[in-house]
Amino acid sequence: MEFHLFHNDKKTWKDELILALLIFVWLLCGSLLIVYRPSFFFAGTSVSVCFGVLLVLLGVMFIPGLVYRLLTNEKRK
């Protein structure tokens, strides 16, 4: 299995799938933290909401990378 840092090919469909799942998990966890506002042992509701906002921003930040990876896959000849 070859690893190419700057080369994108059809063999890396697992990478796009993993990235899409991570984005979905980050958005889901972040939105749940924002909606339910839980308080943990040392963290109050404001800390959990801020962490939820950070998770949502992290998920949104990786969406253009996923779109780029999906659009620049090379076709096999």
PDB file of N, CA and C in Angstrom:
ATOM      1  N   MET A   1       0.842  -1.176   0.000  1.00  0.00           N
ATOM      2  CA  MET A   1       0.000   0.000   0.000  1.00  0.00           C
ATOM      3  C   MET A   1       0.884   1.235   0.000  1.00  0.00           C
ATOM      4  N   GLU A   2       0.677   2.057  -0.991  1.00  0.00           N
ATOM      5  CA  GLU A   2       1.488   3.256  -1.116  1.00  0.00           C
ATOM      6  C   GLU A   2       0.797   4.433  -0.442  1.00  0.00           C
ATOM      7  N   PHE A   3       1.615   5.317   0.104  1.00  0.00           N
ATOM      8  CA  PHE A   3       1.093   6.524   0.736  1.00  0.00           C
ATOM      9  C   PHE A   3       1.561   7.720  -0.065  1.00  0.00           C
ATOM     10  N   HIS A   4       0.616   8.519  -0.542  1.00  0.00           N
ATOM     11  CA  HIS A   4       0.940   9.732  -1.285  1.00  0.00           C
ATOM     12  C   HIS A   4       0.341  10.918  -0.556  1.00  0.00           C
ATOM     13  N   LEU A   5       1.191  11.822  -0.156  1.00  0.00           N
ATOM     14  CA  LEU A   5       0.711  12.990   0.576  1.00  0.00           C
ATOM     15  C   LEU A   5      -0.007  13.973  -0.345  1.00  0.00           C
ATOM     16  N   PHE A   6       0.528  14.182  -1.547  1.00  0.00           N
ATOM     17  CA  PHE A   6      -0.038  15.176  -2.449  1.00  0.00           C
ATOM     18  C   PHE A   6      -0.733  14.546  -3.653  1.00  0.00           C
ATOM     19  N   HIS A   7      -0.938  13.255  -3.647  1.00  0.00           N
ATOM     20  CA  HIS A   7      -1.551  12.561  -4.768  1.00  0.00           C
ATOM     21  C   HIS A   7      -2.839  11.905  -4.276  1.00  0.00           C
ATOM     22  N   ASN A   8      -3.929  12.163  -4.952  1.00  0.00           N
ATOM     23  CA  ASN A   8      -5.222  11.628  -4.555  1.00  0.00           C
ATOM     24  C   ASN A   8      -5.690  10.660  -5.630  1.00  0.00           C
ATOM     25  N   ASP A   9      -6.026   9.458  -5.256  1.00  0.00           N
ATOM     26  CA  ASP A   9      -6.503   8.490  -6.229  1.00  0.00           C
ATOM     27  C   ASP A   9      -7.717   7.756  -5.684  1.00  0.00           C
ATOM     28  N   LYS A  10      -8.276   6.882  -6.487  1.00  0.00           N
ATOM     29  CA  LYS A  10      -9.504   6.179  -6.114  1.00  0.00           C
ATOM     30  C   LYS A  10      -9.280   5.149  -5.012  1.00  0.00           C
ATOM     31  N   LYS A  11      -8.034   4.780  -4.744  1.00  0.00           N
ATOM     32  CA  LYS A  11      -7.790   3.792  -3.704  1.00  0.00           C
ATOM     33  C   LYS A  11      -8.011   4.353  -2.312  1.00  0.00           C
ATOM     34  N   THR A  12      -8.170   5.659  -2.204  1.00  0.00           N
ATOM     35  CA  THR A  12      -8.300   6.276  -0.882  1.00  0.00           C
ATOM     36  C   THR A  12      -9.747   6.565  -0.529  1.00  0.00           C
ATOM     37  N   TRP A  13     -10.695   5.771  -1.007  1.00  0.00           N
ATOM     38  CA  TRP A  13     -12.099   6.006  -0.688  1.00  0.00           C
ATOM     39  C   TRP A  13     -12.356   5.810   0.793  1.00  0.00           C
ATOM     40  N   LYS A  14     -11.518   4.987   1.441  1.00  0.00           N
ATOM     41  CA  LYS A  14     -11.673   4.798   2.886  1.00  0.00           C
ATOM     42  C   LYS A  14     -11.340   6.083   3.637  1.00  0.00           C
ATOM     43  N   ASP A  15     -10.391   6.838   3.118  1.00  0.00           N
ATOM     44  CA  ASP A  15     -10.035   8.108   3.760  1.00  0.00           C
ATOM     45  C   ASP A  15     -11.211   9.079   3.743  1.00  0.00           C
ATOM     46  N   GLU A  16     -11.884   9.173   2.604  1.00  0.00           N
ATOM     47  CA  GLU A  16     -13.039  10.067   2.516  1.00  0.00           C
ATOM     48  C   GLU A  16     -14.171   9.601   3.416  1.00  0.00           C
ATOM     49  N   LEU A  17     -14.351   8.296   3.509  1.00  0.00           N
ATOM     50  CA  LEU A  17     -15.396   7.759   4.377  1.00  0.00           C
ATOM     51  C   LEU A  17     -15.103   8.049   5.848  1.00  0.00           C
ATOM     52  N   ILE A  18     -13.864   7.857   6.251  1.00  0.00           N
ATOM     53  CA  ILE A  18     -13.470   8.136   7.639  1.00  0.00           C
ATOM     54  C   ILE A  18     -13.613   9.629   7.941  1.00  0.00           C
ATOM     55  N   LEU A  19     -13.196  10.474   6.996  1.00  0.00           N
ATOM     56  CA  LEU A  19     -13.322  11.917   7.192  1.00  0.00           C
ATOM     57  C   LEU A  19     -14.788  12.330   7.300  1.00  0.00           C
ATOM     58  N   ALA A  20     -15.647  11.750   6.479  1.00  0.00           N
ATOM     59  CA  ALA A  20     -17.078  12.074   6.545  1.00  0.00           C
ATOM     60  C   ALA A  20     -17.676  11.618   7.870  1.00  0.00           C
ATOM     61  N   LEU A  21     -17.269  10.448   8.346  1.00  0.00           N
ATOM     62  CA  LEU A  21     -17.773   9.973   9.641  1.00  0.00           C
ATOM     63  C   LEU A  21     -17.297  10.852  10.788  1.00  0.00           C
ATOM     64  N   LEU A  22     -16.045  11.279  10.739  1.00  0.00           N
ATOM     65  CA  LEU A  22     -15.526  12.177  11.776  1.00  0.00           C
ATOM     66  C   LEU A  22     -16.282  13.506  11.779  1.00  0.00           C
ATOM     67  N   ILE A  23     -16.530  14.046  10.592  1.00  0.00           N
ATOM     68  CA  ILE A  23     -17.274  15.304  10.502  1.00  0.00           C
ATOM     69  C   ILE A  23     -18.666  15.132  11.087  1.00  0.00           C
ATOM     70  N   PHE A  24     -19.320  14.026  10.754  1.00  0.00           N
ATOM     71  CA  PHE A  24     -20.663  13.764  11.281  1.00  0.00           C
ATOM     72  C   PHE A  24     -20.649  13.643  12.802  1.00  0.00           C
ATOM     73  N   VAL A  25     -19.667  12.939  13.351  1.00  0.00           N
ATOM     74  CA  VAL A  25     -19.574  12.762  14.803  1.00  0.00           C
ATOM     75  C   VAL A  25     -19.309  14.096  15.490  1.00  0.00           C
ATOM     76  N   TRP A  26     -18.399  14.902  14.933  1.00  0.00           N
ATOM     77  CA  TRP A  26     -18.107  16.205  15.528  1.00  0.00           C
ATOM     78  C   TRP A  26     -19.337  17.103  15.523  1.00  0.00           C
ATOM     79  N   LEU A  27     -20.051  17.132  14.398  1.00  0.00           N
ATOM     80  CA  LEU A  27     -21.248  17.972  14.326  1.00  0.00           C
ATOM     81  C   LEU A  27     -22.343  17.471  15.264  1.00  0.00           C
ATOM     82  N   LEU A  28     -22.515  16.165  15.343  1.00  0.00           N
ATOM     83  CA  LEU A  28     -23.537  15.601  16.217  1.00  0.00           C
ATOM     84  C   LEU A  28     -23.225  15.867  17.688  1.00  0.00           C
ATOM     85  N   CYS A  29     -21.996  15.569  18.105  1.00  0.00           N
ATOM     86  CA  CYS A  29     -21.620  15.783  19.510  1.00  0.00           C
ATOM     87  C   CYS A  29     -21.679  17.263  19.879  1.00  0.00           C
ATOM     88  N   GLY A  30     -21.206  18.115  18.989  1.00  0.00           N
ATOM     89  CA  GLY A  30     -21.242  19.545  19.261  1.00  0.00           C
ATOM     90  C   GLY A  30     -22.649  20.078  19.381  1.00  0.00           C
ATOM     91  N   SER A  31     -23.522  19.653  18.479  1.00  0.00           N
ATOM     92  CA  SER A  31     -24.900  20.141  18.559  1.00  0.00           C
ATOM     93  C   SER A  31     -25.620  19.591  19.786  1.00  0.00           C
ATOM     94  N   LEU A  32     -25.324  18.356  20.175  1.00  0.00           N
ATOM     95  CA  LEU A  32     -25.926  17.818  21.401  1.00  0.00           C
ATOM     96  C   LEU A  32     -25.446  18.567  22.642  1.00  0.00           C
ATOM     97  N   LEU A  33     -24.167  18.920  22.668  1.00  0.00           N
ATOM     98  CA  LEU A  33     -23.664  19.700  23.805  1.00  0.00           C
ATOM     99  C   LEU A  33     -24.292  21.090  23.862  1.00  0.00           C
ATOM    100  N   ILE A  34     -24.544  21.674  22.708  1.00  0.00           N
ATOM    101  CA  ILE A  34     -25.152  23.002  22.683  1.00  0.00           C
ATOM    102  C   ILE A  34     -26.617  22.933  23.114  1.00  0.00           C
ATOM    103  N   VAL A  35     -27.337  21.937  22.645  1.00  0.00           N
ATOM    104  CA  VAL A  35     -28.770  21.847  22.920  1.00  0.00           C
ATOM    105  C   VAL A  35     -29.041  21.456  24.373  1.00  0.00           C
ATOM    106  N   TYR A  36     -28.366  20.427  24.871  1.00  0.00           N
ATOM    107  CA  TYR A  36     -28.696  19.900  26.203  1.00  0.00           C
ATOM    108  C   TYR A  36     -27.941  20.585  27.345  1.00  0.00           C
ATOM    109  N   ARG A  37     -26.857  21.271  27.075  1.00  0.00           N
ATOM    110  CA  ARG A  37     -26.087  22.041  28.082  1.00  0.00           C
ATOM    111  C   ARG A  37     -25.820  21.242  29.361  1.00  0.00           C
ATOM    112  N   PRO A  38     -25.118  20.117  29.252  1.00  0.00           N
ATOM    113  CA  PRO A  38     -24.860  19.325  30.464  1.00  0.00           C
ATOM    114  C   PRO A  38     -23.792  19.971  31.341  1.00  0.00           C
ATOM    115  N   SER A  39     -23.803  19.620  32.612  1.00  0.00           N
ATOM    116  CA  SER A  39     -22.734  20.065  33.508  1.00  0.00           C
ATOM    117  C   SER A  39     -22.049  18.815  34.053  1.00  0.00           C
ATOM    118  N   PHE A  40     -20.726  18.825  33.986  1.00  0.00           N
ATOM    119  CA  PHE A  40     -19.935  17.689  34.432  1.00  0.00           C
ATOM    120  C   PHE A  40     -19.345  18.004  35.798  1.00  0.00           C
ATOM    121  N   PHE A  41     -18.424  17.195  36.258  1.00  0.00           N
ATOM    122  CA  PHE A  41     -17.844  17.350  37.592  1.00  0.00           C
ATOM    123  C   PHE A  41     -17.257  18.746  37.808  1.00  0.00           C
ATOM    124  N   PHE A  42     -16.357  19.140  36.947  1.00  0.00           N
ATOM    125  CA  PHE A  42     -15.651  20.410  37.127  1.00  0.00           C
ATOM    126  C   PHE A  42     -16.084  21.460  36.112  1.00  0.00           C
ATOM    127  N   ALA A  43     -16.872  21.082  35.131  1.00  0.00           N
ATOM    128  CA  ALA A  43     -17.252  22.000  34.067  1.00  0.00           C
ATOM    129  C   ALA A  43     -18.742  22.328  34.179  1.00  0.00           C
ATOM    130  N   GLY A  44     -19.024  23.595  34.101  1.00  0.00           N
ATOM    131  CA  GLY A  44     -20.417  24.026  34.138  1.00  0.00           C
ATOM    132  C   GLY A  44     -21.042  24.006  32.756  1.00  0.00           C
ATOM    133  N   THR A  45     -22.222  24.565  32.668  1.00  0.00           N
ATOM    134  CA  THR A  45     -22.940  24.549  31.400  1.00  0.00           C
ATOM    135  C   THR A  45     -22.263  25.423  30.351  1.00  0.00           C
ATOM    136  N   SER A  46     -21.684  26.537  30.778  1.00  0.00           N
ATOM    137  CA  SER A  46     -21.037  27.419  29.800  1.00  0.00           C
ATOM    138  C   SER A  46     -19.811  26.756  29.171  1.00  0.00           C
ATOM    139  N   VAL A  47     -19.080  25.961  29.941  1.00  0.00           N
ATOM    140  CA  VAL A  47     -17.912  25.264  29.400  1.00  0.00           C
ATOM    141  C   VAL A  47     -18.346  24.200  28.393  1.00  0.00           C
ATOM    142  N   SER A  48     -19.415  23.477  28.695  1.00  0.00           N
ATOM    143  CA  SER A  48     -19.873  22.446  27.765  1.00  0.00           C
ATOM    144  C   SER A  48     -20.434  23.066  26.484  1.00  0.00           C
ATOM    145  N   VAL A  49     -21.099  24.209  26.585  1.00  0.00           N
ATOM    146  CA  VAL A  49     -21.599  24.885  25.382  1.00  0.00           C
ATOM    147  C   VAL A  49     -20.437  25.403  24.542  1.00  0.00           C
ATOM    148  N   CYS A  50     -19.428  25.961  25.164  1.00  0.00           N
ATOM    149  CA  CYS A  50     -18.253  26.431  24.421  1.00  0.00           C
ATOM    150  C   CYS A  50     -17.543  25.272  23.731  1.00  0.00           C
ATOM    151  N   PHE A  51     -17.436  24.131  24.411  1.00  0.00           N
ATOM    152  CA  PHE A  51     -16.823  22.959  23.802  1.00  0.00           C
ATOM    153  C   PHE A  51     -17.688  22.448  22.646  1.00  0.00           C
ATOM    154  N   GLY A  52     -19.000  22.529  22.779  1.00  0.00           N
ATOM    155  CA  GLY A  52     -19.891  22.152  21.691  1.00  0.00           C
ATOM    156  C   GLY A  52     -19.726  23.049  20.481  1.00  0.00           C
ATOM    157  N   VAL A  53     -19.592  24.340  20.713  1.00  0.00           N
ATOM    158  CA  VAL A  53     -19.365  25.281  19.614  1.00  0.00           C
ATOM    159  C   VAL A  53     -18.043  24.972  18.933  1.00  0.00           C
ATOM    160  N   LEU A  54     -17.020  24.648  19.711  1.00  0.00           N
ATOM    161  CA  LEU A  54     -15.725  24.289  19.121  1.00  0.00           C
ATOM    162  C   LEU A  54     -15.818  23.012  18.288  1.00  0.00           C
ATOM    163  N   LEU A  55     -16.588  22.038  18.744  1.00  0.00           N
ATOM    164  CA  LEU A  55     -16.764  20.812  17.965  1.00  0.00           C
ATOM    165  C   LEU A  55     -17.513  21.083  16.659  1.00  0.00           C
ATOM    166  N   VAL A  56     -18.530  21.928  16.717  1.00  0.00           N
ATOM    167  CA  VAL A  56     -19.258  22.277  15.494  1.00  0.00           C
ATOM    168  C   VAL A  56     -18.340  23.015  14.527  1.00  0.00           C
ATOM    169  N   LEU A  57     -17.554  23.947  15.023  1.00  0.00           N
ATOM    170  CA  LEU A  57     -16.609  24.660  14.158  1.00  0.00           C
ATOM    171  C   LEU A  57     -15.575  23.717  13.563  1.00  0.00           C
ATOM    172  N   LEU A  58     -15.133  22.747  14.336  1.00  0.00           N
ATOM    173  CA  LEU A  58     -14.179  21.762  13.825  1.00  0.00           C
ATOM    174  C   LEU A  58     -14.801  20.950  12.701  1.00  0.00           C
ATOM    175  N   GLY A  59     -16.046  20.540  12.872  1.00  0.00           N
ATOM    176  CA  GLY A  59     -16.721  19.796  11.816  1.00  0.00           C
ATOM    177  C   GLY A  59     -16.924  20.624  10.565  1.00  0.00           C
ATOM    178  N   VAL A  60     -17.340  21.867  10.720  1.00  0.00           N
ATOM    179  CA  VAL A  60     -17.564  22.749   9.575  1.00  0.00           C
ATOM    180  C   VAL A  60     -16.246  23.058   8.872  1.00  0.00           C
ATOM    181  N   MET A  61     -15.165  23.154   9.634  1.00  0.00           N
ATOM    182  CA  MET A  61     -13.869  23.473   9.054  1.00  0.00           C
ATOM    183  C   MET A  61     -13.388  22.373   8.105  1.00  0.00           C
ATOM    184  N   PHE A  62     -13.735  21.128   8.367  1.00  0.00           N
ATOM    185  CA  PHE A  62     -13.256  20.032   7.538  1.00  0.00           C
ATOM    186  C   PHE A  62     -14.171  19.719   6.356  1.00  0.00           C
ATOM    187  N   ILE A  63     -15.335  20.338   6.249  1.00  0.00           N
ATOM    188  CA  ILE A  63     -16.238  20.075   5.125  1.00  0.00           C
ATOM    189  C   ILE A  63     -15.618  20.483   3.785  1.00  0.00           C
ATOM    190  N   PRO A  64     -14.992  21.655   3.643  1.00  0.00           N
ATOM    191  CA  PRO A  64     -14.361  21.966   2.348  1.00  0.00           C
ATOM    192  C   PRO A  64     -13.253  20.979   1.974  1.00  0.00           C
ATOM    193  N   GLY A  65     -12.537  20.468   2.946  1.00  0.00           N
ATOM    194  CA  GLY A  65     -11.508  19.467   2.645  1.00  0.00           C
ATOM    195  C   GLY A  65     -12.112  18.184   2.107  1.00  0.00           C
ATOM    196  N   LEU A  66     -13.238  17.777   2.666  1.00  0.00           N
ATOM    197  CA  LEU A  66     -13.926  16.582   2.171  1.00  0.00           C
ATOM    198  C   LEU A  66     -14.444  16.809   0.761  1.00  0.00           C
ATOM    199  N   VAL A  67     -15.029  17.969   0.507  1.00  0.00           N
ATOM    200  CA  VAL A  67     -15.536  18.275  -0.827  1.00  0.00           C
ATOM    201  C   VAL A  67     -14.396  18.289  -1.831  1.00  0.00           C
ATOM    202  N   TYR A  68     -13.265  18.878  -1.461  1.00  0.00           N
ATOM    203  CA  TYR A  68     -12.108  18.899  -2.349  1.00  0.00           C
ATOM    204  C   TYR A  68     -11.613  17.493  -2.637  1.00  0.00           C
ATOM    205  N   ARG A  69     -11.545  16.647  -1.613  1.00  0.00           N
ATOM    206  CA  ARG A  69     -11.090  15.271  -1.815  1.00  0.00           C
ATOM    207  C   ARG A  69     -12.031  14.512  -2.733  1.00  0.00           C
ATOM    208  N   LEU A  70     -13.336  14.736  -2.591  1.00  0.00           N
ATOM    209  CA  LEU A  70     -14.292  14.028  -3.438  1.00  0.00           C
ATOM    210  C   LEU A  70     -14.263  14.522  -4.879  1.00  0.00           C
ATOM    211  N   LEU A  71     -14.014  15.798  -5.091  1.00  0.00           N
ATOM    212  CA  LEU A  71     -14.024  16.349  -6.444  1.00  0.00           C
ATOM    213  C   LEU A  71     -12.717  16.143  -7.199  1.00  0.00           C
ATOM    214  N   THR A  72     -11.627  15.896  -6.511  1.00  0.00           N
ATOM    215  CA  THR A  72     -10.341  15.765  -7.196  1.00  0.00           C
ATOM    216  C   THR A  72      -9.850  14.326  -7.276  1.00  0.00           C
ATOM    217  N   ASN A  73     -10.710  13.360  -7.040  1.00  0.00           N
ATOM    218  CA  ASN A  73     -10.308  11.976  -7.233  1.00  0.00           C
ATOM    219  C   ASN A  73     -10.036  11.733  -8.704  1.00  0.00           C
ATOM    220  N   GLU A  74      -8.921  11.085  -9.000  1.00  0.00           N
ATOM    221  CA  GLU A  74      -8.562  10.791 -10.382  1.00  0.00           C
ATOM    222  C   GLU A  74      -9.262   9.524 -10.826  1.00  0.00           C
ATOM    223  N   LYS A  75      -9.665   9.512 -12.055  1.00  0.00           N
ATOM    224  CA  LYS A  75     -10.309   8.334 -12.613  1.00  0.00           C
ATOM    225  C   LYS A  75      -9.243   7.358 -13.093  1.00  0.00           C
ATOM    226  N   ARG A  76      -9.507   6.071 -12.900  1.00  0.00           N
ATOM    227  CA  ARG A  76      -8.590   5.043 -13.391  1.00  0.00           C
ATOM    228  C   ARG A  76      -8.657   4.972 -14.902  1.00  0.00           C
ATOM    229  N   LYS A  77      -7.499   4.791 -15.520  1.00  0.00           N
ATOM    230  CA  LYS A  77      -7.442   4.704 -16.975  1.00  0.00           C
ATOM    231  C   LYS A  77      -7.490   3.282 -17.429  1.00  0.00           C
TER     232      LYS A  77
END
